[in-house]
Amino acid sequence: MDFRRLHPLLRLPARPLLSFCRGVNIYDDEMDQIARPDWHLIMDGKYNKGLAFTIKERQRLGIMGLMPCSVRSIEDQMEAARTNFEARPSDISRFTYLSAVHHRHRRLYYRFIRENIEKVLPIVYTPTVGDVVATYGLNFQHATSLFISIHDKGHIRDLMHNWIDNGVRAICVTDGGRVLGLGDMGANAMGISLGKMILYTALGGLPPSTLMPVCLDVGTDNQALLQDPLYVGARIPRVKGPEYEELVEEFMQAAVKCFGHTVFIHFEDFATPNALKFLDQYQYKYCCFNDDIQGTGATGLAGFINVEKITGLKLEDTVFLFVGAGSAALGIANMLAIELEERGISYEDATKNVYIIDANGLLTCESPNPPEQAKRFVKPMEPMKDLLAVVEKLKPSVLLGATGIGGLFNEQVLKAMAKNHKRPAVFALSNPTTNSECTAEQAFTHTEGRVLFGSGSPFPPVVIDGKRYKPAQANNCLIFPGIALAAITAKARYLPNSVFSVVAHELARNTTQEQLDAATLFPPIKDASKVAFNVGVAMAQYLFDNDLSNIYPKPEDVCEFVKKSLYTFEYQNSLPTTWAYPEQPPTPPTPPANPRPKTDAQEEKNKG
């Protein structure tokens, strides 16, 4: 007889019997009396240290045996993370790896970004974030952000109370109306809000538990997204008009209702008309900030200040040509005008040398429907559409592009700039890299290496005739973490335009003389955390000095006051603090009970 055929039959009753036997012996009174923390909580990214848990911590927290017995320092973990990061074959896979580290080991994640910012910034921010946004639905795994759709109108407070952390102090909100050079990206724009929040912590030192990325999902007019089966947002045309504005108003009111009037609200990647409208509507009512307008404006102004230092030509005598009339270009142009007015230049003269080209050509009195914030830059001259012709006529010494049109500053335009000026300044600010108006190599090559160059996206060094040029990056990450740090620590009431002039000058001061001598307009990205802190301290000082803070009395040392609020990038003890208590005296013995006195009725009864 072949017993192998009976093997499955013989095995069948064994498992229920084994389960039964295990059930009989499962109770262990000694173990049952030990309170063990929930290991899911301990392994949450907020608390998890992985192999950096000490043996004592593992034993006390009830996780001994759930990981190998070796113990690593955070430096060991950093090296392991660096090895994993560099082994990934593509930027998107590096982004995915870092997202996994964030989910498992949050403090390690932020420290890794902070200490490797030059390598990691292009992954968590521009240009890779553009790819992340474009493929957001494909790579979506779990939400670490708040999505508010148009269908939630009337219930935004309910959604905010669902948020995973208490004590929110900063919100980055987008509606995806205009993302980088990608246009309308709908709910996929959440990738941008997340990227900003990451840098709030990694560079600004803001605790991640106090930050909330938000996407207002009001639909999209991007037909490719509407037809994409993996799109995560509302599949409706973008809602506009009163219904949309009512949603934004409800969001603003709900934010201060849930988190207080000093909550910092960062607007990101709204379409230019909406960005300008909401900034005008809310700037002096809430503690809010638009990075595309005010952040870019302060960064651009810092670059202009350093151009002035290098060339010796005063800003009021410089001819500026802005190509593009979106939120970035208008933000910088208006910050420039504010700077000139603060120097004593009249309102009219502050704009006389500032020219703007939009999609219809040079802004003149004949231009159809110029944006409201661009009207002060309109010039009484004949319309011109050709960029090269405008450059040759006006002879600007500063050319700035924020158009999203790659290659717009061609060889002829760059050579015209070099012909007219010994040290022409060219800012190609559009992101991602493919949308940049020119590359660093093109700018240096066609100006014989004389250009003062700043770009929105990173470019590698350029070598011309044996001389090496390192392009400067005009990246808002140098300042917006510091702006948030100051607004939050000082509990700002609101942020007037003068605040961003302070920010611009501080950023310019953080560019050393050695860097200016090398024609570098901005501090290197490797110094971004130091620059962000300096910006935060300078801005906080201004807020305290100008009665824009809700904190009274004013701190004696603002720098130390800001330092005390920073997130730490070191592991701390995971166990609650314990301390010795004196031996307690013995409990006194219980005194014998006194006999109850007899009542008169009982006495009479006993006598009877």
Foldseek 3Di string as FASTA:
>chain_A
DPCVVCVVVVCVVVVVVVVVVCVVVVDDPVVVPDDADDVVVCQFQVNDPALQQAPVNCVRNVNPPVHDNHHDFLVVVLVVLVVVLVPDDDLQVSLVSLVVNCRGHVLSSLQSCLQPVVVCVCNLHPPVLVVCLVCVLVPDDDDQAFEAELVCPPPVLVSVVVHPAPQAQEEEEEQQQADFLPGRSAPSCLSVQVSVLSLLCSQLQFDSSNYHYYYYGQADPPVVLLPDPSRDGDNDHGDDDPSVVSRVVVNVVSCCVRNNQLREYEYERHWQVVVVVVCVVPQQQGAYYYCLQLLLLLLLLLLVVLVCVLPVDDLLRFAEEEEAQGRNSLSNLVLQLVVVVVVVDDNLSSQPRYWYAHPQATAAPPDPPRDPSCVSNHHPDDGDHDPLVVCLVSVGLEYEYADLAAQQCDLSNLLSNLVSDQEREYEQEGDDPRSTNYAPQSNCVSNVNRYLYEYQYADQWYADPNDIAHAEYSYSSLEPSLVSLLSRLQSFSGDDSVLSNQLSVLQSVVQDPVNSVSSYSGDHSSCSSVSSLSSNLSSNVVCQVPVRGPDPPDDPRSSVSSVVSGHDSGDDDSDDDDDDDDDDDDDDDDDDDDDDDDDPVVVVVVVD
